[in-house]
PDB file of N, CA and C in Angstrom:
ATOM      1  N   UNK A   1      -2.810  35.607   1.157  1.00  0.00           N
ATOM      2  CA  UNK A   1      -2.814  34.170   1.006  1.00  0.00           C
ATOM      3  C   UNK A   1      -2.209  33.835  -0.355  1.00  0.00           C
ATOM      4  N   UNK A   2      -1.299  32.883  -0.364  1.00  0.00           N
ATOM      5  CA  UNK A   2      -0.636  32.502  -1.609  1.00  0.00           C
ATOM      6  C   UNK A   2      -1.536  31.601  -2.451  1.00  0.00           C
ATOM      7  N   UNK A   3      -1.133  31.402  -3.690  1.00  0.00           N
ATOM      8  CA  UNK A   3      -1.899  30.536  -4.580  1.00  0.00           C
ATOM      9  C   UNK A   3      -1.895  29.097  -4.081  1.00  0.00           C
ATOM     10  N   UNK A   4      -0.824  28.683  -3.404  1.00  0.00           N
ATOM     11  CA  UNK A   4      -0.769  27.339  -2.846  1.00  0.00           C
ATOM     12  C   UNK A   4      -1.843  27.153  -1.779  1.00  0.00           C
ATOM     13  N   UNK A   5      -1.930  28.109  -0.888  1.00  0.00           N
ATOM     14  CA  UNK A   5      -2.932  28.025   0.178  1.00  0.00           C
ATOM     15  C   UNK A   5      -4.344  28.132  -0.388  1.00  0.00           C
ATOM     16  N   UNK A   6      -4.532  29.007  -1.359  1.00  0.00           N
ATOM     17  CA  UNK A   6      -5.840  29.161  -1.985  1.00  0.00           C
ATOM     18  C   UNK A   6      -6.242  27.890  -2.719  1.00  0.00           C
ATOM     19  N   UNK A   7      -5.295  27.283  -3.423  1.00  0.00           N
ATOM     20  CA  UNK A   7      -5.581  26.035  -4.133  1.00  0.00           C
ATOM     21  C   UNK A   7      -5.944  24.911  -3.190  1.00  0.00           C
ATOM     22  N   UNK A   8      -5.241  24.810  -2.069  1.00  0.00           N
ATOM     23  CA  UNK A   8      -5.546  23.778  -1.088  1.00  0.00           C
ATOM     24  C   UNK A   8      -6.922  24.007  -0.490  1.00  0.00           C
ATOM     25  N   UNK A   9      -7.215  25.233  -0.112  1.00  0.00           N
ATOM     26  CA  UNK A   9      -8.512  25.549   0.484  1.00  0.00           C
ATOM     27  C   UNK A   9      -9.652  25.307  -0.500  1.00  0.00           C
ATOM     28  N   UNK A  10      -9.472  25.739  -1.746  1.00  0.00           N
ATOM     29  CA  UNK A  10     -10.504  25.535  -2.758  1.00  0.00           C
ATOM     30  C   UNK A  10     -10.721  24.043  -3.023  1.00  0.00           C
ATOM     31  N   UNK A  11      -9.654  23.280  -3.073  1.00  0.00           N
ATOM     32  CA  UNK A  11      -9.789  21.837  -3.283  1.00  0.00           C
ATOM     33  C   UNK A  11     -10.526  21.155  -2.152  1.00  0.00           C
ATOM     34  N   UNK A  12     -10.235  21.556  -0.918  1.00  0.00           N
ATOM     35  CA  UNK A  12     -10.921  20.963   0.224  1.00  0.00           C
ATOM     36  C   UNK A  12     -12.398  21.327   0.240  1.00  0.00           C
ATOM     37  N   UNK A  13     -12.716  22.575  -0.047  1.00  0.00           N
ATOM     38  CA  UNK A  13     -14.124  23.004  -0.060  1.00  0.00           C
ATOM     39  C   UNK A  13     -14.888  22.312  -1.182  1.00  0.00           C
ATOM     40  N   UNK A  14     -14.293  22.245  -2.368  1.00  0.00           N
ATOM     41  CA  UNK A  14     -14.957  21.562  -3.475  1.00  0.00           C
ATOM     42  C   UNK A  14     -15.120  20.070  -3.201  1.00  0.00           C
ATOM     43  N   UNK A  15     -14.138  19.479  -2.563  1.00  0.00           N
ATOM     44  CA  UNK A  15     -14.244  18.062  -2.207  1.00  0.00           C
ATOM     45  C   UNK A  15     -15.368  17.808  -1.226  1.00  0.00           C
ATOM     46  N   UNK A  16     -15.509  18.667  -0.238  1.00  0.00           N
ATOM     47  CA  UNK A  16     -16.604  18.517   0.724  1.00  0.00           C
ATOM     48  C   UNK A  16     -17.961  18.717   0.064  1.00  0.00           C
ATOM     49  N   UNK A  17     -18.033  19.670  -0.843  1.00  0.00           N
ATOM     50  CA  UNK A  17     -19.298  19.956  -1.508  1.00  0.00           C
ATOM     51  C   UNK A  17     -19.708  18.842  -2.469  1.00  0.00           C
ATOM     52  N   UNK A  18     -18.739  18.143  -3.029  1.00  0.00           N
ATOM     53  CA  UNK A  18     -19.031  17.149  -4.060  1.00  0.00           C
ATOM     54  C   UNK A  18     -19.269  15.746  -3.499  1.00  0.00           C
ATOM     55  N   UNK A  19     -19.080  15.569  -2.221  1.00  0.00           N
ATOM     56  CA  UNK A  19     -19.149  14.211  -1.689  1.00  0.00           C
ATOM     57  C   UNK A  19     -20.233  14.055  -0.645  1.00  0.00           C
ATOM     58  N   UNK A  20     -20.476  12.846  -0.298  1.00  0.00           N
ATOM     59  CA  UNK A  20     -21.396  12.501   0.769  1.00  0.00           C
ATOM     60  C   UNK A  20     -21.250  11.026   1.061  1.00  0.00           C
ATOM     61  N   UNK A  21     -21.464  10.653   2.296  1.00  0.00           N
ATOM     62  CA  UNK A  21     -21.381   9.252   2.651  1.00  0.00           C
ATOM     63  C   UNK A  21     -20.027   8.875   3.221  1.00  0.00           C
ATOM     64  N   UNK A  22     -19.722   7.594   3.138  1.00  0.00           N
ATOM     65  CA  UNK A  22     -18.553   7.013   3.794  1.00  0.00           C
ATOM     66  C   UNK A  22     -17.220   7.475   3.202  1.00  0.00           C
ATOM     67  N   UNK A  23     -17.178   7.696   1.907  1.00  0.00           N
ATOM     68  CA  UNK A  23     -15.913   8.016   1.247  1.00  0.00           C
ATOM     69  C   UNK A  23     -15.619   9.510   1.197  1.00  0.00           C
ATOM     70  N   UNK A  24     -16.372  10.317   1.902  1.00  0.00           N
ATOM     71  CA  UNK A  24     -16.204  11.769   1.864  1.00  0.00           C
ATOM     72  C   UNK A  24     -14.800  12.186   2.288  1.00  0.00           C
ATOM     73  N   UNK A  25     -14.258  11.574   3.317  1.00  0.00           N
ATOM     74  CA  UNK A  25     -12.935  11.942   3.786  1.00  0.00           C
ATOM     75  C   UNK A  25     -11.867  11.688   2.736  1.00  0.00           C
ATOM     76  N   UNK A  26     -11.894  10.524   2.111  1.00  0.00           N
ATOM     77  CA  UNK A  26     -10.873  10.184   1.120  1.00  0.00           C
ATOM     78  C   UNK A  26     -10.968  11.056  -0.125  1.00  0.00           C
ATOM     79  N   UNK A  27     -12.186  11.318  -0.572  1.00  0.00           N
ATOM     80  CA  UNK A  27     -12.354  12.163  -1.751  1.00  0.00           C
ATOM     81  C   UNK A  27     -11.917  13.585  -1.437  1.00  0.00           C
ATOM     82  N   UNK A  28     -12.252  14.088  -0.260  1.00  0.00           N
ATOM     83  CA  UNK A  28     -11.851  15.430   0.140  1.00  0.00           C
ATOM     84  C   UNK A  28     -10.340  15.537   0.239  1.00  0.00           C
ATOM     85  N   UNK A  29      -9.693  14.524   0.784  1.00  0.00           N
ATOM     86  CA  UNK A  29      -8.237  14.519   0.870  1.00  0.00           C
ATOM     87  C   UNK A  29      -7.597  14.536  -0.516  1.00  0.00           C
ATOM     88  N   UNK A  30      -8.112  13.721  -1.429  1.00  0.00           N
ATOM     89  CA  UNK A  30      -7.555  13.663  -2.785  1.00  0.00           C
ATOM     90  C   UNK A  30      -7.733  14.988  -3.515  1.00  0.00           C
ATOM     91  N   UNK A  31      -8.910  15.581  -3.411  1.00  0.00           N
ATOM     92  CA  UNK A  31      -9.159  16.854  -4.083  1.00  0.00           C
ATOM     93  C   UNK A  31      -8.309  17.956  -3.446  1.00  0.00           C
ATOM     94  N   UNK A  32      -8.099  17.895  -2.145  1.00  0.00           N
ATOM     95  CA  UNK A  32      -7.235  18.858  -1.472  1.00  0.00           C
ATOM     96  C   UNK A  32      -5.796  18.769  -1.942  1.00  0.00           C
ATOM     97  N   UNK A  33      -5.306  17.562  -2.129  1.00  0.00           N
ATOM     98  CA  UNK A  33      -3.941  17.378  -2.630  1.00  0.00           C
ATOM     99  C   UNK A  33      -3.821  17.912  -4.059  1.00  0.00           C
ATOM    100  N   UNK A  34      -4.833  17.681  -4.872  1.00  0.00           N
ATOM    101  CA  UNK A  34      -4.824  18.216  -6.233  1.00  0.00           C
ATOM    102  C   UNK A  34      -4.797  19.743  -6.196  1.00  0.00           C
ATOM    103  N   UNK A  35      -5.600  20.337  -5.323  1.00  0.00           N
ATOM    104  CA  UNK A  35      -5.602  21.790  -5.171  1.00  0.00           C
ATOM    105  C   UNK A  35      -4.259  22.315  -4.699  1.00  0.00           C
ATOM    106  N   UNK A  36      -3.622  21.590  -3.800  1.00  0.00           N
ATOM    107  CA  UNK A  36      -2.301  21.982  -3.308  1.00  0.00           C
ATOM    108  C   UNK A  36      -1.269  21.967  -4.431  1.00  0.00           C
ATOM    109  N   UNK A  37      -1.276  20.925  -5.243  1.00  0.00           N
ATOM    110  CA  UNK A  37      -0.320  20.812  -6.347  1.00  0.00           C
ATOM    111  C   UNK A  37      -0.551  21.920  -7.371  1.00  0.00           C
ATOM    112  N   UNK A  38      -1.806  22.199  -7.702  1.00  0.00           N
ATOM    113  CA  UNK A  38      -2.107  23.264  -8.654  1.00  0.00           C
ATOM    114  C   UNK A  38      -1.646  24.605  -8.100  1.00  0.00           C
ATOM    115  N   UNK A  39      -1.863  24.841  -6.819  1.00  0.00           N
ATOM    116  CA  UNK A  39      -1.410  26.076  -6.201  1.00  0.00           C
ATOM    117  C   UNK A  39       0.095  26.216  -6.225  1.00  0.00           C
ATOM    118  N   UNK A  40       0.811  25.128  -5.965  1.00  0.00           N
ATOM    119  CA  UNK A  40       2.284  25.165  -6.020  1.00  0.00           C
ATOM    120  C   UNK A  40       2.778  25.479  -7.424  1.00  0.00           C
ATOM    121  N   UNK A  41       2.123  24.898  -8.430  1.00  0.00           N
ATOM    122  CA  UNK A  41       2.508  25.173  -9.813  1.00  0.00           C
ATOM    123  C   UNK A  41       2.288  26.651 -10.122  1.00  0.00           C
ATOM    124  N   UNK A  42       1.158  27.202  -9.692  1.00  0.00           N
ATOM    125  CA  UNK A  42       0.867  28.609  -9.946  1.00  0.00           C
ATOM    126  C   UNK A  42       1.831  29.532  -9.210  1.00  0.00           C
ATOM    127  N   UNK A  43       2.289  29.130  -8.026  1.00  0.00           N
ATOM    128  CA  UNK A  43       3.266  29.911  -7.270  1.00  0.00           C
ATOM    129  C   UNK A  43       4.677  29.795  -7.845  1.00  0.00           C
ATOM    130  N   UNK A  44       4.904  28.824  -8.700  1.00  0.00           N
ATOM    131  CA  UNK A  44       6.230  28.601  -9.254  1.00  0.00           C
ATOM    132  C   UNK A  44       7.091  27.717  -8.367  1.00  0.00           C
ATOM    133  N   UNK A  45       6.512  27.113  -7.346  1.00  0.00           N
ATOM    134  CA  UNK A  45       7.265  26.272  -6.434  1.00  0.00           C
ATOM    135  C   UNK A  45       7.399  24.833  -6.902  1.00  0.00           C
ATOM    136  N   UNK A  46       6.729  24.504  -7.998  1.00  0.00           N
ATOM    137  CA  UNK A  46       6.762  23.143  -8.512  1.00  0.00           C
ATOM    138  C   UNK A  46       6.771  23.216 -10.026  1.00  0.00           C
ATOM    139  N   UNK A  47       7.740  22.557 -10.642  1.00  0.00           N
ATOM    140  CA  UNK A  47       7.857  22.563 -12.088  1.00  0.00           C
ATOM    141  C   UNK A  47       7.374  21.218 -12.628  1.00  0.00           C
ATOM    142  N   UNK A  48       6.299  21.261 -13.401  1.00  0.00           N
ATOM    143  CA  UNK A  48       5.745  20.017 -13.934  1.00  0.00           C
ATOM    144  C   UNK A  48       6.690  19.342 -14.922  1.00  0.00           C
ATOM    145  N   UNK A  49       7.524  20.100 -15.598  1.00  0.00           N
ATOM    146  CA  UNK A  49       8.493  19.514 -16.525  1.00  0.00           C
ATOM    147  C   UNK A  49       9.451  18.578 -15.829  1.00  0.00           C
ATOM    148  N   UNK A  50       9.870  18.951 -14.612  1.00  0.00           N
ATOM    149  CA  UNK A  50      10.767  18.073 -13.844  1.00  0.00           C
ATOM    150  C   UNK A  50      10.056  16.803 -13.409  1.00  0.00           C
ATOM    151  N   UNK A  51       8.788  16.928 -13.045  1.00  0.00           N
ATOM    152  CA  UNK A  51       8.037  15.750 -12.615  1.00  0.00           C
ATOM    153  C   UNK A  51       7.773  14.783 -13.755  1.00  0.00           C
ATOM    154  N   UNK A  52       7.550  15.332 -14.939  1.00  0.00           N
ATOM    155  CA  UNK A  52       7.234  14.496 -16.096  1.00  0.00           C
ATOM    156  C   UNK A  52       8.463  14.031 -16.854  1.00  0.00           C
ATOM    157  N   UNK A  53       9.639  14.479 -16.442  1.00  0.00           N
ATOM    158  CA  UNK A  53      10.873  14.043 -17.075  1.00  0.00           C
ATOM    159  C   UNK A  53      11.242  14.824 -18.316  1.00  0.00           C
ATOM    160  N   UNK A  54      10.574  15.949 -18.541  1.00  0.00           N
ATOM    161  CA  UNK A  54      10.873  16.740 -19.729  1.00  0.00           C
ATOM    162  C   UNK A  54      11.648  18.011 -19.375  1.00  0.00           C
ATOM    163  N   UNK A  55      12.104  18.117 -18.172  1.00  0.00           N
ATOM    164  CA  UNK A  55      12.761  19.332 -17.723  1.00  0.00           C
ATOM    165  C   UNK A  55      14.179  19.514 -18.229  1.00  0.00           C
ATOM    166  N   UNK A  56      14.835  18.437 -18.585  1.00  0.00           N
ATOM    167  CA  UNK A  56      16.240  18.511 -18.989  1.00  0.00           C
ATOM    168  C   UNK A  56      16.430  17.885 -20.368  1.00  0.00           C
ATOM    169  N   UNK A  57      17.293  18.497 -21.148  1.00  0.00           N
ATOM    170  CA  UNK A  57      17.684  17.905 -22.415  1.00  0.00           C
ATOM    171  C   UNK A  57      18.908  17.044 -22.217  1.00  0.00           C
ATOM    172  N   UNK A  58      18.896  15.851 -22.753  1.00  0.00           N
ATOM    173  CA  UNK A  58      20.036  14.941 -22.574  1.00  0.00           C
ATOM    174  C   UNK A  58      20.874  14.902 -23.821  1.00  0.00           C
TER     175      UNK A  58
END
């Protein structure tokens, strides 16, 4: 399992564990997306410098 998949799974599990009630689905989805992004960064599939605009010198 790649770091992306592990990050997504960990985010979803932590989101489910941390929530309760009506907003559980939305919080779980948000935490899952955060886990997915962290996993992509760890895999090298996403460069935060490009997202933040610091990836290129002008």
